[in-house]
N, C-alpha and C. Protein backbone atom coordinates (compact mmCIF):
# COMPACT_ATOMS: atom_id res chain seq x y z
N MET A 1 0.84 -1.18 0.00
CA MET A 1 0.00 0.00 0.00
C MET A 1 0.89 1.24 0.00
N GLU A 2 0.86 1.97 -1.04
CA GLU A 2 1.60 3.23 -1.10
C GLU A 2 0.68 4.36 -0.64
N PRO A 3 1.13 5.15 0.33
CA PRO A 3 0.29 6.27 0.79
C PRO A 3 0.18 7.35 -0.27
N ARG A 4 -0.85 8.16 -0.16
CA ARG A 4 -1.09 9.24 -1.11
C ARG A 4 -0.05 10.34 -1.01
N SER A 5 0.60 10.45 0.15
CA SER A 5 1.64 11.46 0.32
C SER A 5 2.72 10.90 1.22
N GLY A 6 3.78 11.65 1.39
CA GLY A 6 4.87 11.22 2.26
C GLY A 6 4.65 11.58 3.72
N CYS A 7 3.51 12.13 4.05
CA CYS A 7 3.23 12.54 5.43
C CYS A 7 3.00 11.29 6.30
N PRO A 8 3.74 11.13 7.40
CA PRO A 8 3.56 9.97 8.26
C PRO A 8 2.15 9.86 8.86
N ILE A 9 1.54 11.00 9.18
CA ILE A 9 0.18 10.97 9.72
C ILE A 9 -0.78 10.45 8.66
N ASN A 10 -0.66 10.94 7.43
CA ASN A 10 -1.49 10.45 6.34
C ASN A 10 -1.29 8.95 6.13
N ALA A 11 -0.05 8.50 6.15
CA ALA A 11 0.24 7.09 5.93
C ALA A 11 -0.44 6.22 7.00
N ALA A 12 -0.41 6.67 8.25
CA ALA A 12 -1.06 5.93 9.32
C ALA A 12 -2.58 5.98 9.20
N VAL A 13 -3.10 7.15 8.87
CA VAL A 13 -4.55 7.31 8.75
C VAL A 13 -5.10 6.47 7.60
N GLU A 14 -4.35 6.33 6.53
CA GLU A 14 -4.82 5.52 5.41
C GLU A 14 -5.01 4.06 5.81
N VAL A 15 -4.24 3.58 6.78
CA VAL A 15 -4.37 2.20 7.25
C VAL A 15 -5.33 2.10 8.43
N LEU A 16 -5.22 3.01 9.37
CA LEU A 16 -5.94 2.89 10.64
C LEU A 16 -7.09 3.88 10.81
N GLY A 17 -7.30 4.76 9.85
CA GLY A 17 -8.17 5.90 10.06
C GLY A 17 -9.65 5.67 9.97
N ASP A 18 -10.10 4.47 9.65
CA ASP A 18 -11.55 4.28 9.62
C ASP A 18 -11.99 3.57 10.90
N ARG A 19 -13.21 3.78 11.23
CA ARG A 19 -13.78 3.25 12.47
C ARG A 19 -13.62 1.74 12.59
N TRP A 20 -13.93 1.01 11.55
CA TRP A 20 -13.97 -0.44 11.66
C TRP A 20 -12.60 -1.06 11.83
N SER A 21 -11.58 -0.53 11.17
CA SER A 21 -10.24 -1.10 11.32
C SER A 21 -9.78 -1.01 12.77
N LEU A 22 -10.01 0.12 13.39
CA LEU A 22 -9.61 0.28 14.79
C LEU A 22 -10.39 -0.64 15.71
N LEU A 23 -11.67 -0.85 15.43
CA LEU A 23 -12.48 -1.73 16.27
C LEU A 23 -12.10 -3.19 16.07
N VAL A 24 -11.76 -3.57 14.85
CA VAL A 24 -11.27 -4.93 14.61
C VAL A 24 -9.97 -5.15 15.40
N LEU A 25 -9.07 -4.19 15.32
CA LEU A 25 -7.83 -4.30 16.10
C LEU A 25 -8.11 -4.36 17.59
N ARG A 26 -9.02 -3.54 18.07
CA ARG A 26 -9.40 -3.58 19.49
C ARG A 26 -9.83 -4.99 19.88
N ASP A 27 -10.67 -5.61 19.05
CA ASP A 27 -11.19 -6.92 19.39
C ASP A 27 -10.12 -8.01 19.30
N VAL A 28 -9.20 -7.91 18.36
CA VAL A 28 -8.11 -8.87 18.28
C VAL A 28 -7.19 -8.70 19.48
N ILE A 29 -6.87 -7.47 19.82
CA ILE A 29 -5.92 -7.19 20.90
C ILE A 29 -6.52 -7.46 22.27
N PHE A 30 -7.64 -6.85 22.59
CA PHE A 30 -8.15 -6.88 23.95
C PHE A 30 -9.14 -8.00 24.24
N ALA A 31 -9.80 -8.53 23.21
CA ALA A 31 -10.76 -9.61 23.42
C ALA A 31 -10.25 -10.95 22.89
N ASP A 32 -9.05 -10.95 22.31
CA ASP A 32 -8.43 -12.16 21.75
C ASP A 32 -9.36 -12.87 20.75
N ARG A 33 -10.07 -12.08 19.98
CA ARG A 33 -10.91 -12.64 18.91
C ARG A 33 -10.03 -12.77 17.68
N ARG A 34 -9.72 -13.99 17.30
CA ARG A 34 -8.74 -14.21 16.24
C ARG A 34 -9.31 -14.97 15.05
N TYR A 35 -10.60 -15.23 15.08
CA TYR A 35 -11.26 -15.92 13.98
C TYR A 35 -12.38 -15.03 13.44
N PHE A 36 -12.66 -15.18 12.15
CA PHE A 36 -13.66 -14.34 11.49
C PHE A 36 -14.99 -14.35 12.25
N ARG A 37 -15.49 -15.54 12.57
CA ARG A 37 -16.80 -15.67 13.23
C ARG A 37 -16.79 -14.97 14.59
N ALA A 38 -15.72 -15.12 15.34
CA ALA A 38 -15.63 -14.47 16.66
C ALA A 38 -15.61 -12.95 16.50
N LEU A 39 -14.92 -12.45 15.50
CA LEU A 39 -14.89 -11.01 15.26
C LEU A 39 -16.27 -10.51 14.82
N LEU A 40 -16.94 -11.29 14.00
CA LEU A 40 -18.25 -10.89 13.49
C LEU A 40 -19.30 -10.88 14.59
N THR A 41 -19.36 -11.94 15.37
CA THR A 41 -20.43 -12.05 16.37
C THR A 41 -20.08 -11.35 17.68
N GLY A 42 -18.80 -11.11 17.93
CA GLY A 42 -18.38 -10.52 19.19
C GLY A 42 -18.39 -9.00 19.21
N SER A 43 -18.53 -8.39 18.05
CA SER A 43 -18.50 -6.93 17.98
C SER A 43 -19.82 -6.34 18.48
N VAL A 44 -19.75 -5.59 19.57
CA VAL A 44 -20.98 -4.98 20.10
C VAL A 44 -21.49 -3.89 19.16
N GLU A 45 -20.62 -3.42 18.27
CA GLU A 45 -21.02 -2.38 17.31
C GLU A 45 -21.74 -2.95 16.10
N GLY A 46 -21.73 -4.27 15.93
CA GLY A 46 -22.48 -4.91 14.86
C GLY A 46 -21.90 -4.75 13.47
N ILE A 47 -20.66 -5.12 13.29
CA ILE A 47 -20.02 -5.01 11.98
C ILE A 47 -20.65 -6.01 11.00
N ALA A 48 -20.85 -5.59 9.77
CA ALA A 48 -21.39 -6.47 8.72
C ALA A 48 -20.26 -7.37 8.20
N SER A 49 -20.62 -8.56 7.76
CA SER A 49 -19.61 -9.53 7.33
C SER A 49 -18.77 -9.02 6.16
N ASN A 50 -19.38 -8.30 5.21
CA ASN A 50 -18.60 -7.80 4.07
C ASN A 50 -17.63 -6.70 4.51
N ILE A 51 -18.03 -5.89 5.46
CA ILE A 51 -17.14 -4.85 5.99
C ILE A 51 -15.98 -5.50 6.75
N LEU A 52 -16.29 -6.50 7.57
CA LEU A 52 -15.25 -7.19 8.32
C LEU A 52 -14.24 -7.84 7.37
N ALA A 53 -14.73 -8.53 6.35
CA ALA A 53 -13.82 -9.18 5.39
C ALA A 53 -12.92 -8.15 4.73
N ASP A 54 -13.49 -7.01 4.36
CA ASP A 54 -12.70 -5.95 3.72
C ASP A 54 -11.64 -5.40 4.68
N ARG A 55 -12.01 -5.14 5.93
CA ARG A 55 -11.06 -4.58 6.89
C ARG A 55 -9.96 -5.57 7.23
N LEU A 56 -10.31 -6.83 7.35
CA LEU A 56 -9.27 -7.84 7.60
C LEU A 56 -8.28 -7.88 6.44
N LYS A 57 -8.78 -7.83 5.22
CA LYS A 57 -7.90 -7.83 4.05
C LYS A 57 -6.99 -6.60 4.06
N ARG A 58 -7.57 -5.44 4.36
CA ARG A 58 -6.77 -4.21 4.41
C ARG A 58 -5.68 -4.28 5.48
N LEU A 59 -6.03 -4.81 6.64
CA LEU A 59 -5.06 -4.90 7.73
C LEU A 59 -3.96 -5.91 7.42
N ILE A 60 -4.31 -6.96 6.71
CA ILE A 60 -3.31 -7.93 6.26
C ILE A 60 -2.41 -7.29 5.21
N ASP A 61 -3.01 -6.64 4.23
CA ASP A 61 -2.23 -5.98 3.17
C ASP A 61 -1.29 -4.92 3.73
N ALA A 62 -1.69 -4.27 4.82
CA ALA A 62 -0.88 -3.22 5.43
C ALA A 62 0.19 -3.79 6.37
N GLY A 63 0.18 -5.11 6.59
CA GLY A 63 1.17 -5.72 7.47
C GLY A 63 0.86 -5.59 8.95
N ILE A 64 -0.40 -5.36 9.28
CA ILE A 64 -0.83 -5.22 10.67
C ILE A 64 -1.25 -6.59 11.24
N LEU A 65 -1.87 -7.40 10.40
CA LEU A 65 -2.31 -8.75 10.75
C LEU A 65 -1.74 -9.75 9.75
N THR A 66 -1.68 -11.01 10.18
CA THR A 66 -1.42 -12.11 9.25
C THR A 66 -2.60 -13.06 9.34
N ARG A 67 -2.80 -13.80 8.29
CA ARG A 67 -3.87 -14.81 8.26
C ARG A 67 -3.21 -16.17 8.15
N GLY A 68 -3.44 -17.00 9.16
CA GLY A 68 -2.87 -18.34 9.12
C GLY A 68 -3.52 -19.17 8.04
N THR A 69 -2.80 -20.15 7.54
CA THR A 69 -3.37 -21.03 6.54
C THR A 69 -4.30 -22.02 7.24
N ALA A 70 -5.43 -22.22 6.64
CA ALA A 70 -6.42 -23.12 7.21
C ALA A 70 -6.53 -24.36 6.34
N ALA A 71 -6.43 -25.51 6.95
CA ALA A 71 -6.64 -26.75 6.23
C ALA A 71 -8.11 -26.87 5.88
N ARG A 72 -8.41 -27.72 4.95
CA ARG A 72 -9.79 -27.91 4.52
C ARG A 72 -10.70 -28.15 5.73
N GLY A 73 -11.76 -27.36 5.79
CA GLY A 73 -12.73 -27.49 6.86
C GLY A 73 -12.34 -26.79 8.16
N GLN A 74 -11.19 -26.15 8.18
CA GLN A 74 -10.78 -25.44 9.38
C GLN A 74 -10.85 -23.94 9.16
N ARG A 75 -10.90 -23.22 10.26
CA ARG A 75 -10.96 -21.77 10.19
C ARG A 75 -9.55 -21.18 10.24
N ALA A 76 -9.36 -20.10 9.51
CA ALA A 76 -8.08 -19.40 9.55
C ALA A 76 -8.02 -18.51 10.77
N ARG A 77 -6.86 -18.48 11.41
CA ARG A 77 -6.67 -17.65 12.60
C ARG A 77 -5.85 -16.43 12.21
N PHE A 78 -6.30 -15.27 12.69
CA PHE A 78 -5.60 -14.02 12.45
C PHE A 78 -4.66 -13.74 13.61
N SER A 79 -3.49 -13.23 13.29
CA SER A 79 -2.50 -12.89 14.31
C SER A 79 -1.97 -11.49 14.05
N LEU A 80 -1.60 -10.83 15.12
CA LEU A 80 -0.97 -9.52 15.01
C LEU A 80 0.47 -9.68 14.56
N THR A 81 0.94 -8.73 13.79
CA THR A 81 2.37 -8.63 13.50
C THR A 81 2.95 -7.67 14.53
N GLU A 82 4.25 -7.44 14.47
CA GLU A 82 4.85 -6.45 15.36
C GLU A 82 4.22 -5.09 15.11
N ALA A 83 3.97 -4.75 13.84
CA ALA A 83 3.32 -3.47 13.54
C ALA A 83 1.94 -3.40 14.18
N GLY A 84 1.21 -4.51 14.19
CA GLY A 84 -0.10 -4.54 14.84
C GLY A 84 0.00 -4.37 16.34
N ILE A 85 0.99 -5.02 16.94
CA ILE A 85 1.20 -4.89 18.38
C ILE A 85 1.54 -3.45 18.74
N ARG A 86 2.26 -2.78 17.86
CA ARG A 86 2.66 -1.40 18.13
C ARG A 86 1.50 -0.41 18.02
N THR A 87 0.30 -0.89 17.67
CA THR A 87 -0.89 -0.02 17.69
C THR A 87 -1.48 0.10 19.09
N VAL A 88 -1.03 -0.73 20.04
CA VAL A 88 -1.59 -0.69 21.40
C VAL A 88 -1.50 0.71 22.01
N PRO A 89 -0.35 1.39 21.94
CA PRO A 89 -0.31 2.74 22.51
C PRO A 89 -1.27 3.72 21.82
N ILE A 90 -1.50 3.52 20.54
CA ILE A 90 -2.44 4.37 19.80
C ILE A 90 -3.85 4.13 20.32
N LEU A 91 -4.23 2.86 20.44
CA LEU A 91 -5.56 2.53 20.95
C LEU A 91 -5.72 3.01 22.39
N SER A 92 -4.66 2.90 23.17
CA SER A 92 -4.71 3.38 24.55
C SER A 92 -4.93 4.89 24.59
N ALA A 93 -4.22 5.62 23.73
CA ALA A 93 -4.40 7.08 23.68
C ALA A 93 -5.82 7.45 23.26
N LEU A 94 -6.37 6.74 22.29
CA LEU A 94 -7.76 6.99 21.89
C LEU A 94 -8.71 6.70 23.05
N GLY A 95 -8.45 5.61 23.77
CA GLY A 95 -9.28 5.28 24.92
C GLY A 95 -9.20 6.33 26.01
N ASP A 96 -8.00 6.87 26.24
CA ASP A 96 -7.87 7.94 27.23
C ASP A 96 -8.68 9.16 26.83
N TRP A 97 -8.65 9.50 25.56
CA TRP A 97 -9.45 10.62 25.08
C TRP A 97 -10.93 10.31 25.32
N GLY A 98 -11.35 9.08 25.02
CA GLY A 98 -12.74 8.69 25.24
C GLY A 98 -13.14 8.76 26.70
N LEU A 99 -12.22 8.39 27.60
CA LEU A 99 -12.52 8.52 29.03
C LEU A 99 -12.80 9.96 29.41
N ASP A 100 -12.03 10.88 28.85
CA ASP A 100 -12.16 12.29 29.20
C ASP A 100 -13.35 12.98 28.55
N TRP A 101 -13.72 12.56 27.36
CA TRP A 101 -14.67 13.34 26.57
C TRP A 101 -15.95 12.62 26.16
N ARG A 102 -16.07 11.33 26.44
CA ARG A 102 -17.26 10.58 26.05
C ARG A 102 -17.75 9.73 27.20
N SER A 103 -19.00 9.35 27.15
CA SER A 103 -19.55 8.44 28.16
C SER A 103 -19.41 7.01 27.65
N GLY A 104 -19.67 6.06 28.51
CA GLY A 104 -19.60 4.65 28.13
C GLY A 104 -19.96 3.78 29.31
N SER A 105 -19.90 2.47 29.09
CA SER A 105 -20.26 1.54 30.16
C SER A 105 -19.16 1.52 31.22
N ASP A 106 -19.58 1.34 32.47
CA ASP A 106 -18.62 1.30 33.58
C ASP A 106 -17.60 0.18 33.38
N GLU A 107 -18.07 -0.98 32.90
CA GLU A 107 -17.18 -2.13 32.71
C GLU A 107 -16.06 -1.82 31.72
N LEU A 108 -16.42 -1.26 30.57
CA LEU A 108 -15.40 -0.97 29.55
C LEU A 108 -14.54 0.22 29.94
N ARG A 109 -15.12 1.18 30.60
CA ARG A 109 -14.34 2.33 31.07
C ARG A 109 -13.33 1.90 32.13
N ALA A 110 -13.69 0.89 32.94
CA ALA A 110 -12.77 0.41 33.99
C ALA A 110 -11.49 -0.15 33.39
N ARG A 111 -11.61 -0.83 32.29
CA ARG A 111 -10.41 -1.36 31.62
C ARG A 111 -9.49 -0.22 31.20
N GLN A 112 -10.08 0.77 30.58
CA GLN A 112 -9.28 1.90 30.11
C GLN A 112 -8.70 2.68 31.28
N GLN A 113 -9.48 2.82 32.34
CA GLN A 113 -8.99 3.52 33.53
C GLN A 113 -7.78 2.80 34.12
N LEU A 114 -7.84 1.47 34.16
CA LEU A 114 -6.70 0.70 34.65
C LEU A 114 -5.46 0.95 33.79
N MET A 115 -5.65 0.92 32.47
CA MET A 115 -4.50 1.17 31.58
C MET A 115 -3.92 2.56 31.83
N ARG A 116 -4.79 3.53 32.03
CA ARG A 116 -4.32 4.89 32.29
C ARG A 116 -3.56 4.96 33.62
N GLU A 117 -4.14 4.37 34.65
CA GLU A 117 -3.51 4.43 35.97
C GLU A 117 -2.17 3.69 36.01
N GLU A 118 -2.10 2.56 35.33
CA GLU A 118 -0.88 1.76 35.33
C GLU A 118 0.21 2.38 34.46
N GLY A 119 -0.20 3.14 33.46
CA GLY A 119 0.76 3.90 32.66
C GLY A 119 1.53 3.11 31.61
N PRO A 120 2.60 3.70 31.11
CA PRO A 120 3.38 3.12 30.01
C PRO A 120 3.94 1.73 30.30
N ALA A 121 4.30 1.45 31.54
CA ALA A 121 4.83 0.13 31.87
C ALA A 121 3.77 -0.96 31.62
N PHE A 122 2.52 -0.64 31.91
CA PHE A 122 1.43 -1.59 31.68
C PHE A 122 1.23 -1.82 30.19
N ILE A 123 1.30 -0.76 29.40
CA ILE A 123 1.17 -0.88 27.95
C ILE A 123 2.28 -1.78 27.40
N GLU A 124 3.48 -1.61 27.92
CA GLU A 124 4.61 -2.47 27.51
C GLU A 124 4.34 -3.92 27.88
N GLU A 125 3.78 -4.15 29.08
CA GLU A 125 3.42 -5.52 29.49
C GLU A 125 2.39 -6.13 28.54
N LEU A 126 1.39 -5.33 28.18
CA LEU A 126 0.37 -5.80 27.23
C LEU A 126 1.02 -6.20 25.91
N MET A 127 1.92 -5.35 25.43
CA MET A 127 2.56 -5.62 24.15
C MET A 127 3.44 -6.87 24.24
N GLU A 128 4.13 -7.06 25.35
CA GLU A 128 4.94 -8.26 25.54
C GLU A 128 4.06 -9.52 25.55
N GLU A 129 2.93 -9.44 26.23
CA GLU A 129 2.02 -10.59 26.26
C GLU A 129 1.46 -10.88 24.86
N LEU A 130 1.17 -9.84 24.10
CA LEU A 130 0.71 -10.04 22.72
C LEU A 130 1.79 -10.69 21.87
N ARG A 131 3.04 -10.33 22.09
CA ARG A 131 4.14 -10.97 21.34
C ARG A 131 4.20 -12.47 21.64
N VAL A 132 3.94 -12.82 22.89
CA VAL A 132 3.91 -14.24 23.27
C VAL A 132 2.75 -14.93 22.56
N ARG A 133 1.58 -14.32 22.60
CA ARG A 133 0.38 -14.94 22.04
C ARG A 133 0.36 -14.98 20.52
N HIS A 134 0.87 -13.94 19.88
CA HIS A 134 0.73 -13.82 18.43
C HIS A 134 2.01 -14.11 17.65
N LEU A 135 3.15 -13.89 18.26
CA LEU A 135 4.42 -14.05 17.55
C LEU A 135 5.25 -15.20 18.14
N ASP A 136 4.67 -15.93 19.08
CA ASP A 136 5.37 -17.04 19.74
C ASP A 136 6.69 -16.62 20.38
N ALA A 137 6.72 -15.42 20.92
CA ALA A 137 7.91 -14.94 21.62
C ALA A 137 8.03 -15.67 22.96
N THR A 138 9.23 -15.69 23.48
CA THR A 138 9.47 -16.28 24.79
C THR A 138 8.95 -15.34 25.86
N PRO A 139 8.16 -15.84 26.79
CA PRO A 139 7.65 -14.97 27.87
C PRO A 139 8.80 -14.39 28.69
N THR A 140 8.67 -13.11 29.02
CA THR A 140 9.67 -12.45 29.86
C THR A 140 9.17 -12.29 31.28
N ARG A 141 7.87 -12.43 31.48
CA ARG A 141 7.26 -12.28 32.80
C ARG A 141 7.21 -13.64 33.46
N HIS A 142 7.53 -13.68 34.74
CA HIS A 142 7.50 -14.93 35.50
C HIS A 142 6.56 -14.76 36.69
N GLY A 143 5.50 -15.55 36.71
CA GLY A 143 4.56 -15.50 37.82
C GLY A 143 3.70 -14.25 37.80
N GLY A 144 2.77 -14.20 38.73
CA GLY A 144 1.87 -13.05 38.82
C GLY A 144 0.82 -13.08 37.73
N SER A 145 -0.11 -12.17 37.85
CA SER A 145 -1.18 -12.11 36.85
C SER A 145 -0.68 -11.40 35.60
N ASN A 146 -1.18 -11.84 34.47
CA ASN A 146 -0.79 -11.15 33.24
C ASN A 146 -1.68 -9.91 33.07
N PRO A 147 -1.30 -9.00 32.19
CA PRO A 147 -2.06 -7.75 32.08
C PRO A 147 -3.51 -7.97 31.64
N PHE A 148 -3.77 -9.00 30.86
CA PHE A 148 -5.15 -9.24 30.42
C PHE A 148 -6.01 -9.72 31.58
N GLU A 149 -5.43 -10.49 32.49
CA GLU A 149 -6.17 -10.90 33.68
C GLU A 149 -6.50 -9.68 34.54
N ARG A 150 -5.60 -8.73 34.63
CA ARG A 150 -5.85 -7.51 35.42
C ARG A 150 -6.93 -6.66 34.76
N LEU A 151 -6.93 -6.59 33.43
CA LEU A 151 -7.99 -5.86 32.73
C LEU A 151 -9.35 -6.51 32.98
N ASP A 152 -9.39 -7.84 32.88
CA ASP A 152 -10.64 -8.57 33.12
C ASP A 152 -11.13 -8.38 34.55
N ALA A 153 -10.21 -8.38 35.50
CA ALA A 153 -10.58 -8.19 36.91
C ALA A 153 -11.15 -6.79 37.13
N ALA A 154 -10.56 -5.79 36.48
CA ALA A 154 -11.07 -4.42 36.61
C ALA A 154 -12.48 -4.32 36.05
N ALA A 155 -12.71 -4.97 34.90
CA ALA A 155 -14.04 -4.94 34.29
C ALA A 155 -15.05 -5.68 35.15
N ALA A 156 -14.65 -6.82 35.70
CA ALA A 156 -15.55 -7.59 36.55
C ALA A 156 -15.92 -6.80 37.81
N ALA A 157 -14.95 -6.14 38.40
CA ALA A 157 -15.22 -5.33 39.61
C ALA A 157 -16.17 -4.18 39.29
N ALA A 158 -16.03 -3.60 38.12
CA ALA A 158 -16.91 -2.48 37.75
C ALA A 158 -18.34 -2.95 37.47
N SER A 159 -18.48 -4.19 37.01
CA SER A 159 -19.83 -4.68 36.69
C SER A 159 -20.49 -5.34 37.89
N ASP A 160 -19.74 -5.52 38.99
CA ASP A 160 -20.29 -6.14 40.21
C ASP A 160 -20.85 -5.06 41.12
N PRO A 161 -22.16 -5.05 41.32
CA PRO A 161 -22.78 -3.99 42.15
C PRO A 161 -22.36 -4.08 43.63
N THR A 162 -21.81 -5.21 44.07
CA THR A 162 -21.41 -5.35 45.47
C THR A 162 -19.97 -4.94 45.72
N SER A 163 -19.23 -4.62 44.64
CA SER A 163 -17.82 -4.23 44.85
C SER A 163 -17.77 -2.79 45.36
N PRO A 164 -16.75 -2.47 46.17
CA PRO A 164 -16.68 -1.13 46.75
C PRO A 164 -16.40 -0.06 45.75
């Protein structure tokens, strides 16, 4: 994909600048939805199958995702590339803006609030865990909860009316 201009912002926007591409990435990264059906049915925004297929192709062509080969009768699994993993800080920054300027569900806002409170070190942990899951990297963390478990715990606490 050759960008329309040499501007780095334009080049990024041409790949990531539409609503659906960012939401597909969100679901692959934070919800570990790596199959077409899971992405289609798991999106609370209700993405259409033709739009999803188009965005997956665009993200693959841009080097953000890879599509595993599927044997006959099996589903292909999508994985993040390093370029895809490096979108986590971008998504986090968008989420921080959303926390400040938009409303949303307590459960989903709690995840973003945790990322904000934990700061850059947490984002790095998320990216390291994604490298393990998507790129088969060797884990660098030993013991303790992984960042996705902490995000899930924050969301569960926010959705529990009995939590303080």
